[in-house]
N, C-alpha and C. Protein backbone atom coordinates (compact mmCIF):
# COMPACT_ATOMS: atom_id res chain seq x y z
N MET A 1 -19.19 -17.63 53.87
CA MET A 1 -20.24 -16.65 53.69
C MET A 1 -20.47 -15.92 55.00
N SER A 2 -20.61 -14.60 54.91
CA SER A 2 -20.82 -13.80 56.12
C SER A 2 -22.22 -14.02 56.66
N PRO A 3 -22.45 -13.74 57.94
CA PRO A 3 -23.80 -13.90 58.51
C PRO A 3 -24.85 -13.07 57.77
N ALA A 4 -24.48 -11.86 57.35
CA ALA A 4 -25.43 -11.02 56.63
C ALA A 4 -25.77 -11.64 55.28
N GLY A 5 -24.76 -12.13 54.57
CA GLY A 5 -24.99 -12.77 53.27
C GLY A 5 -25.80 -14.04 53.41
N TRP A 6 -25.53 -14.80 54.48
CA TRP A 6 -26.27 -16.04 54.73
C TRP A 6 -27.75 -15.74 54.96
N ALA A 7 -28.04 -14.69 55.77
CA ALA A 7 -29.44 -14.33 56.04
C ALA A 7 -30.14 -13.90 54.76
N ALA A 8 -29.46 -13.13 53.94
CA ALA A 8 -30.08 -12.69 52.69
C ALA A 8 -30.34 -13.86 51.76
N SER A 9 -29.43 -14.84 51.76
CA SER A 9 -29.63 -15.99 50.87
C SER A 9 -30.78 -16.87 51.34
N ILE A 10 -31.00 -16.94 52.64
CA ILE A 10 -32.13 -17.73 53.16
C ILE A 10 -33.45 -17.09 52.76
N PHE A 11 -33.56 -15.76 52.95
CA PHE A 11 -34.81 -15.08 52.64
C PHE A 11 -35.04 -14.96 51.14
N ASN A 12 -33.99 -14.72 50.39
CA ASN A 12 -34.14 -14.52 48.96
C ASN A 12 -34.17 -15.83 48.18
N GLY A 13 -33.45 -16.81 48.64
CA GLY A 13 -33.36 -18.05 47.88
C GLY A 13 -32.57 -17.83 46.61
N PRO A 14 -32.30 -18.88 45.86
CA PRO A 14 -31.51 -18.73 44.65
C PRO A 14 -32.25 -17.91 43.60
N GLY A 15 -31.58 -16.89 43.11
CA GLY A 15 -32.13 -16.11 42.02
C GLY A 15 -33.19 -15.09 42.39
N ARG A 16 -33.59 -14.97 43.64
CA ARG A 16 -34.63 -14.01 44.02
C ARG A 16 -34.00 -12.66 44.31
N ARG A 17 -34.70 -11.63 43.95
CA ARG A 17 -34.20 -10.27 44.14
C ARG A 17 -35.13 -9.45 45.03
N ASP A 18 -35.99 -10.09 45.82
CA ASP A 18 -36.95 -9.37 46.66
C ASP A 18 -36.28 -8.51 47.72
N MET A 19 -35.29 -9.08 48.34
CA MET A 19 -34.67 -8.43 49.48
C MET A 19 -33.24 -8.05 49.12
N PRO A 20 -32.84 -6.79 49.34
CA PRO A 20 -31.48 -6.39 49.01
C PRO A 20 -30.51 -7.08 49.96
N PRO A 21 -29.29 -7.26 49.53
CA PRO A 21 -28.30 -7.84 50.45
C PRO A 21 -28.21 -7.02 51.72
N ALA A 22 -28.05 -7.69 52.83
CA ALA A 22 -28.09 -7.03 54.13
C ALA A 22 -26.94 -6.07 54.35
N ASN A 23 -25.86 -6.20 53.59
CA ASN A 23 -24.71 -5.34 53.82
C ASN A 23 -24.78 -4.02 53.07
N LEU A 24 -25.86 -3.76 52.33
CA LEU A 24 -26.02 -2.49 51.62
C LEU A 24 -26.85 -1.53 52.46
N SER A 25 -26.49 -0.24 52.37
CA SER A 25 -27.29 0.76 53.07
C SER A 25 -28.54 1.04 52.25
N GLU A 26 -29.49 1.80 52.83
CA GLU A 26 -30.73 2.13 52.11
C GLU A 26 -30.44 2.85 50.81
N SER A 27 -29.51 3.79 50.83
CA SER A 27 -29.24 4.58 49.62
C SER A 27 -28.56 3.74 48.55
N GLU A 28 -27.81 2.71 48.93
CA GLU A 28 -27.11 1.89 47.95
C GLU A 28 -28.05 0.97 47.18
N HIS A 29 -29.16 0.55 47.79
CA HIS A 29 -30.08 -0.33 47.06
C HIS A 29 -31.34 0.39 46.61
N GLY A 30 -31.33 1.73 46.70
CA GLY A 30 -32.39 2.52 46.10
C GLY A 30 -33.63 2.70 46.94
N MET A 31 -33.70 2.15 48.12
CA MET A 31 -34.89 2.33 48.96
C MET A 31 -34.69 3.56 49.83
N THR A 32 -35.66 4.42 49.83
CA THR A 32 -35.61 5.57 50.73
C THR A 32 -36.93 5.64 51.48
N ARG A 33 -36.91 6.29 52.61
CA ARG A 33 -38.11 6.39 53.43
C ARG A 33 -38.96 7.59 53.04
N GLU A 34 -38.42 8.51 52.28
CA GLU A 34 -39.17 9.71 51.92
C GLU A 34 -39.81 9.56 50.55
N HIS A 35 -40.97 10.16 50.41
CA HIS A 35 -41.68 10.20 49.15
C HIS A 35 -41.91 11.68 48.84
N PRO A 36 -40.94 12.31 48.19
CA PRO A 36 -41.03 13.77 48.04
C PRO A 36 -42.22 14.24 47.22
N ASN A 37 -42.82 13.39 46.39
CA ASN A 37 -43.95 13.82 45.56
C ASN A 37 -45.30 13.50 46.18
N ASP A 38 -45.32 12.90 47.35
CA ASP A 38 -46.58 12.51 47.98
C ASP A 38 -46.70 13.17 49.35
N PRO A 39 -47.43 14.29 49.45
CA PRO A 39 -47.54 14.98 50.73
C PRO A 39 -48.34 14.19 51.77
N LEU A 40 -49.07 13.15 51.34
CA LEU A 40 -49.88 12.37 52.28
C LEU A 40 -49.15 11.13 52.79
N HIS A 41 -47.93 10.90 52.32
CA HIS A 41 -47.20 9.71 52.76
C HIS A 41 -46.97 9.76 54.27
N GLY A 42 -47.36 8.71 54.95
CA GLY A 42 -47.18 8.63 56.39
C GLY A 42 -48.30 9.26 57.20
N ILE A 43 -49.26 9.86 56.52
CA ILE A 43 -50.40 10.48 57.19
C ILE A 43 -51.58 9.52 57.10
N THR A 44 -52.07 9.08 58.24
CA THR A 44 -53.20 8.15 58.24
C THR A 44 -54.51 8.91 58.03
N LEU A 45 -55.52 8.20 57.63
CA LEU A 45 -56.84 8.80 57.46
C LEU A 45 -57.32 9.40 58.78
N GLU A 46 -57.05 8.73 59.87
CA GLU A 46 -57.46 9.25 61.18
C GLU A 46 -56.74 10.56 61.50
N MET A 47 -55.46 10.64 61.18
CA MET A 47 -54.71 11.88 61.41
C MET A 47 -55.28 13.02 60.57
N MET A 48 -55.60 12.72 59.30
CA MET A 48 -56.19 13.74 58.43
C MET A 48 -57.51 14.23 58.99
N LEU A 49 -58.37 13.29 59.36
CA LEU A 49 -59.70 13.64 59.85
C LEU A 49 -59.62 14.45 61.14
N ASN A 50 -58.77 14.04 62.07
CA ASN A 50 -58.61 14.79 63.32
C ASN A 50 -58.12 16.20 63.05
N ASP A 51 -57.19 16.35 62.10
CA ASP A 51 -56.68 17.67 61.77
C ASP A 51 -57.76 18.54 61.14
N LEU A 52 -58.53 17.96 60.22
CA LEU A 52 -59.59 18.72 59.57
C LEU A 52 -60.68 19.14 60.56
N VAL A 53 -61.04 18.25 61.47
CA VAL A 53 -62.05 18.58 62.48
C VAL A 53 -61.52 19.68 63.40
N ALA A 54 -60.25 19.60 63.78
CA ALA A 54 -59.67 20.64 64.64
C ALA A 54 -59.61 21.97 63.90
N ARG A 55 -59.33 21.93 62.62
CA ARG A 55 -59.19 23.16 61.83
C ARG A 55 -60.54 23.79 61.49
N TYR A 56 -61.50 22.96 61.04
CA TYR A 56 -62.76 23.49 60.54
C TYR A 56 -63.95 23.27 61.47
N GLY A 57 -63.91 22.23 62.28
CA GLY A 57 -65.07 21.84 63.08
C GLY A 57 -66.01 21.00 62.23
N TRP A 58 -66.89 20.24 62.88
CA TRP A 58 -67.79 19.34 62.14
C TRP A 58 -68.74 20.09 61.22
N ALA A 59 -69.28 21.22 61.69
CA ALA A 59 -70.28 21.95 60.90
C ALA A 59 -69.69 22.45 59.59
N GLU A 60 -68.53 23.09 59.66
CA GLU A 60 -67.91 23.60 58.43
C GLU A 60 -67.40 22.47 57.55
N LEU A 61 -66.87 21.42 58.18
CA LEU A 61 -66.41 20.26 57.41
C LEU A 61 -67.58 19.64 56.64
N GLY A 62 -68.74 19.57 57.29
CA GLY A 62 -69.93 19.04 56.64
C GLY A 62 -70.42 19.92 55.51
N SER A 63 -70.17 21.22 55.60
CA SER A 63 -70.58 22.09 54.49
C SER A 63 -69.56 22.06 53.34
N LEU A 64 -68.30 21.83 53.68
CA LEU A 64 -67.27 21.74 52.64
C LEU A 64 -67.35 20.42 51.87
N ILE A 65 -67.65 19.34 52.59
CA ILE A 65 -67.80 18.02 51.98
C ILE A 65 -69.17 17.49 52.43
N ALA A 66 -70.10 17.41 51.50
CA ALA A 66 -71.47 17.02 51.84
C ALA A 66 -71.56 15.51 52.04
N ILE A 67 -71.21 15.09 53.25
CA ILE A 67 -71.29 13.68 53.63
C ILE A 67 -72.10 13.62 54.91
N ARG A 68 -73.08 12.74 54.95
CA ARG A 68 -73.99 12.66 56.09
C ARG A 68 -73.25 12.40 57.41
N CYS A 69 -72.20 11.60 57.38
CA CYS A 69 -71.50 11.28 58.63
C CYS A 69 -70.81 12.50 59.24
N PHE A 70 -70.65 13.59 58.45
CA PHE A 70 -70.08 14.82 58.99
C PHE A 70 -71.17 15.74 59.54
N ASN A 71 -72.41 15.53 59.14
CA ASN A 71 -73.50 16.43 59.52
C ASN A 71 -74.47 15.84 60.53
N ASP A 72 -74.67 14.54 60.50
CA ASP A 72 -75.68 13.89 61.33
C ASP A 72 -75.00 13.08 62.44
N ASN A 73 -74.95 13.64 63.64
CA ASN A 73 -74.33 12.98 64.79
C ASN A 73 -72.89 12.54 64.48
N PRO A 74 -72.00 13.48 64.12
CA PRO A 74 -70.66 13.13 63.67
C PRO A 74 -69.77 12.60 64.79
N SER A 75 -68.93 11.67 64.44
CA SER A 75 -67.88 11.18 65.33
C SER A 75 -66.73 10.70 64.48
N ILE A 76 -65.56 10.69 65.06
CA ILE A 76 -64.37 10.23 64.34
C ILE A 76 -64.55 8.77 63.94
N LYS A 77 -65.02 7.94 64.87
CA LYS A 77 -65.15 6.51 64.60
C LYS A 77 -66.11 6.22 63.45
N SER A 78 -67.29 6.80 63.47
CA SER A 78 -68.26 6.52 62.40
C SER A 78 -67.78 7.09 61.07
N SER A 79 -67.14 8.25 61.12
CA SER A 79 -66.63 8.85 59.88
C SER A 79 -65.51 8.00 59.29
N LEU A 80 -64.62 7.49 60.13
CA LEU A 80 -63.54 6.62 59.63
C LEU A 80 -64.11 5.36 59.00
N ASN A 81 -65.11 4.77 59.63
CA ASN A 81 -65.74 3.56 59.06
C ASN A 81 -66.30 3.86 57.67
N PHE A 82 -67.00 4.97 57.54
CA PHE A 82 -67.59 5.33 56.25
C PHE A 82 -66.51 5.63 55.22
N LEU A 83 -65.51 6.42 55.59
CA LEU A 83 -64.47 6.82 54.65
C LEU A 83 -63.63 5.64 54.18
N ARG A 84 -63.41 4.68 55.05
CA ARG A 84 -62.63 3.50 54.65
C ARG A 84 -63.38 2.61 53.66
N ARG A 85 -64.71 2.66 53.70
CA ARG A 85 -65.52 1.84 52.79
C ARG A 85 -65.96 2.58 51.54
N THR A 86 -65.72 3.89 51.48
CA THR A 86 -66.25 4.69 50.38
C THR A 86 -65.12 5.49 49.73
N PRO A 87 -64.56 4.96 48.64
CA PRO A 87 -63.39 5.60 48.02
C PRO A 87 -63.62 7.05 47.58
N TRP A 88 -64.80 7.37 47.02
CA TRP A 88 -65.02 8.74 46.55
C TRP A 88 -65.01 9.73 47.70
N ALA A 89 -65.55 9.32 48.86
CA ALA A 89 -65.58 10.21 50.02
C ALA A 89 -64.17 10.40 50.58
N ARG A 90 -63.42 9.31 50.62
CA ARG A 90 -62.04 9.40 51.10
C ARG A 90 -61.23 10.33 50.19
N GLN A 91 -61.43 10.25 48.89
CA GLN A 91 -60.71 11.12 47.96
C GLN A 91 -61.03 12.59 48.22
N LYS A 92 -62.28 12.88 48.55
CA LYS A 92 -62.65 14.27 48.85
C LYS A 92 -61.98 14.76 50.13
N VAL A 93 -61.92 13.89 51.14
CA VAL A 93 -61.26 14.26 52.40
C VAL A 93 -59.76 14.47 52.16
N GLU A 94 -59.14 13.56 51.40
CA GLU A 94 -57.72 13.71 51.10
C GLU A 94 -57.45 14.98 50.31
N ALA A 95 -58.32 15.31 49.36
CA ALA A 95 -58.15 16.53 48.58
C ALA A 95 -58.26 17.77 49.45
N LEU A 96 -59.24 17.80 50.35
CA LEU A 96 -59.38 18.93 51.25
C LEU A 96 -58.17 19.05 52.17
N TYR A 97 -57.71 17.93 52.68
CA TYR A 97 -56.52 17.94 53.55
C TYR A 97 -55.31 18.46 52.77
N ARG A 98 -55.13 17.96 51.55
CA ARG A 98 -54.00 18.39 50.72
C ARG A 98 -54.09 19.90 50.44
N ASP A 99 -55.30 20.39 50.16
CA ASP A 99 -55.48 21.82 49.90
C ASP A 99 -55.26 22.67 51.13
N SER A 100 -55.42 22.09 52.32
CA SER A 100 -55.23 22.85 53.54
C SER A 100 -53.78 22.89 53.99
N LEU A 101 -52.91 22.14 53.31
CA LEU A 101 -51.49 22.15 53.65
C LEU A 101 -50.84 23.44 53.16
N PRO A 102 -49.76 23.85 53.80
CA PRO A 102 -49.02 25.01 53.29
C PRO A 102 -48.54 24.74 51.86
N GLY A 103 -48.32 25.78 51.08
CA GLY A 103 -47.98 25.67 49.67
C GLY A 103 -46.85 24.72 49.34
N ASP A 104 -45.81 24.64 50.17
CA ASP A 104 -44.66 23.79 49.88
C ASP A 104 -45.00 22.31 49.93
N PHE A 105 -46.04 21.92 50.62
CA PHE A 105 -46.38 20.51 50.81
C PHE A 105 -47.47 20.01 49.87
N ARG A 106 -47.98 20.85 49.00
CA ARG A 106 -49.10 20.47 48.15
C ARG A 106 -48.71 19.68 46.91
N ALA A 107 -47.43 19.62 46.59
CA ALA A 107 -46.99 18.97 45.34
C ALA A 107 -47.43 17.52 45.30
N VAL A 108 -47.93 17.12 44.15
CA VAL A 108 -48.34 15.73 43.94
C VAL A 108 -47.86 15.28 42.60
């Protein structure tokens, strides 16, 4: 057994299909790094928020999305804490970010 096959057999165990054999390329086992239908793939919430603040500023961002953390003593840290705990607010931020992307990147 080759070293690559041996490593795959240790991690996968008999009959497991979790891990592709080590000798296959990404395209051969169907895993790709790109998600062509998800424009937010690889974009963190912090990256989105920083971009929106740079683009609109806190005042306009607070008028576009009525969230207190954008209007009352706003900061990236406090806004991230709120957005991570509040799914509806995060969805609004993601929607605004998606809408602010150029037309080619808006596909979902």
